[in-house]
Amino acid sequence: MKNLGNLMKQAQQMQAKMAEMQEKMAETEVTGGAGGGMVSVTMNGKFDLKTIKIDPSLVDPAEVEMLEDLILAAFNDAKVKVEAATQEEMSKLTGGLSLPPGFKMPF
C-alpha cells in the first residue's frame, strides 16, 4: 500500500508541474514566417494569434490570393514551433519518459 501512496504523490506532483508548464506555454510567444520574411505571425502557446506583420510591398489588389496563402503558411509555421516547444517542455516534465503515440496529457 505504501507504493500506491508514493505513486499518488508522484501523480499529484506531475499534475502540478503540468499546470505550471501550461501557464509557461501560455506566456510563450513564437513567430513564424513565410515569403522570405515578408509575412510573419506571432502566436502564444495556446495557439492564439497575437500579431500579423505584412511587408507593404505585398499589398496589391491583384495579389490578394498570394497574400492569403503567405499568411496561412506563416501561421502554420508558428503553430509547428509552438508544438515543438510544448513537446520540449513535456519531455523535461516527464524526464525523457517516452509516452505511447496518441497519449495526451493532461488526461
Protein backbone atom coordinates (compact mmCIF):
# COMPACT_ATOMS: atom_id res chain seq x y z
CA MET A 1 0.00 0.00 0.00
CA LYS A 2 2.98 2.27 0.60
CA ASN A 3 3.86 2.08 -3.11
CA LEU A 4 0.35 3.22 -4.03
CA GLY A 5 0.74 6.23 -1.74
CA ASN A 6 4.05 7.11 -3.39
CA LEU A 7 2.51 6.68 -6.83
CA MET A 8 -0.37 9.02 -5.92
CA LYS A 9 2.10 11.57 -4.53
CA GLN A 10 4.12 11.42 -7.77
CA ALA A 11 0.95 11.82 -9.84
CA GLN A 12 -0.01 14.92 -7.84
CA GLN A 13 3.46 16.37 -8.30
CA MET A 14 3.32 15.71 -12.03
CA GLN A 15 -0.13 17.32 -12.23
CA ALA A 16 1.21 20.44 -10.50
CA LYS A 17 4.17 20.53 -12.89
CA MET A 18 1.81 20.11 -15.85
CA ALA A 19 -0.26 23.11 -14.72
CA GLU A 20 2.93 25.13 -14.31
CA MET A 21 4.11 24.11 -17.78
CA GLN A 22 0.76 25.05 -19.32
CA GLU A 23 0.99 28.50 -17.71
CA LYS A 24 4.53 28.90 -19.04
CA MET A 25 3.46 27.86 -22.55
CA ALA A 26 0.53 30.30 -22.48
CA GLU A 27 3.07 33.10 -21.87
CA THR A 28 5.47 31.81 -24.55
CA GLU A 29 5.29 33.55 -27.92
CA VAL A 30 6.75 32.28 -31.18
CA THR A 31 6.92 33.90 -34.60
CA GLY A 32 6.51 32.07 -37.88
CA GLY A 33 7.31 33.50 -41.27
CA ALA A 34 6.73 32.99 -44.97
CA GLY A 35 7.80 34.62 -48.20
CA GLY A 36 11.34 35.31 -47.02
CA GLY A 37 10.05 37.22 -44.01
CA MET A 38 7.59 39.34 -45.98
CA VAL A 39 4.77 37.93 -43.84
CA SER A 40 5.10 36.92 -40.19
CA VAL A 41 2.69 35.93 -37.47
CA THR A 42 3.19 35.65 -33.73
CA MET A 43 1.15 33.33 -31.55
CA ASN A 44 1.23 32.13 -27.97
CA GLY A 45 1.34 28.63 -26.56
CA LYS A 46 -2.44 28.45 -26.56
CA PHE A 47 -2.41 28.94 -30.35
CA ASP A 48 -3.86 32.45 -30.02
CA LEU A 49 -2.72 34.59 -32.94
CA LYS A 50 -1.18 37.76 -31.46
CA THR A 51 0.21 39.75 -34.41
CA ILE A 52 0.42 39.67 -38.18
CA LYS A 53 3.10 41.69 -40.00
CA ILE A 54 2.87 42.21 -43.76
CA ASP A 55 5.54 43.87 -45.88
CA PRO A 56 3.83 46.87 -47.57
CA SER A 57 5.18 45.80 -50.95
CA LEU A 58 2.80 42.85 -50.85
CA VAL A 59 -0.36 44.93 -50.69
CA ASP A 60 -1.53 44.82 -54.27
CA PRO A 61 -5.17 44.09 -55.07
CA ALA A 62 -4.06 41.68 -57.79
CA GLU A 63 -2.01 39.68 -55.27
CA VAL A 64 -4.63 39.07 -52.57
CA GLU A 65 -4.63 35.30 -53.07
CA MET A 66 -0.85 35.13 -52.69
CA LEU A 67 -1.04 37.24 -49.53
CA GLU A 68 -3.67 34.93 -48.06
CA ASP A 69 -1.50 31.89 -48.83
CA LEU A 70 1.53 33.53 -47.20
CA ILE A 71 -0.43 34.38 -44.04
CA LEU A 72 -1.66 30.81 -43.82
CA ALA A 73 1.88 29.47 -44.30
CA ALA A 74 3.27 31.83 -41.63
CA PHE A 75 0.56 30.84 -39.16
CA ASN A 76 1.22 27.15 -39.75
CA ASP A 77 4.97 27.73 -39.30
CA ALA A 78 4.31 29.37 -35.92
CA LYS A 79 1.97 26.54 -34.91
CA VAL A 80 4.67 23.94 -35.64
CA LYS A 81 7.09 25.93 -33.47
CA VAL A 82 4.58 26.07 -30.59
CA GLU A 83 4.04 22.31 -30.83
CA ALA A 84 7.81 21.71 -30.78
CA ALA A 85 8.23 23.98 -27.73
CA THR A 86 5.38 22.19 -25.97
CA GLN A 87 6.93 18.81 -26.75
CA GLU A 88 10.28 20.00 -25.40
CA GLU A 89 8.69 21.21 -22.16
CA MET A 90 6.73 17.96 -21.86
CA SER A 91 9.94 15.98 -22.31
CA LYS A 92 11.54 17.95 -19.47
CA LEU A 93 8.49 17.29 -17.30
CA THR A 94 8.39 13.55 -17.93
CA GLY A 95 12.15 13.19 -17.59
CA GLY A 96 12.50 11.83 -21.10
CA LEU A 97 9.81 9.21 -20.48
CA SER A 98 8.52 8.21 -23.86
CA LEU A 99 4.73 8.20 -23.91
CA PRO A 100 2.77 5.99 -26.30
CA PRO A 101 1.71 7.59 -29.60
CA GLY A 102 -1.58 9.44 -29.28
CA PHE A 103 -1.28 9.62 -25.48
CA LYS A 104 -2.34 13.11 -24.46
CA MET A 105 -1.53 14.82 -21.21
CA PRO A 106 -3.12 16.13 -19.15
CA PHE A 107 -5.64 13.34 -19.12
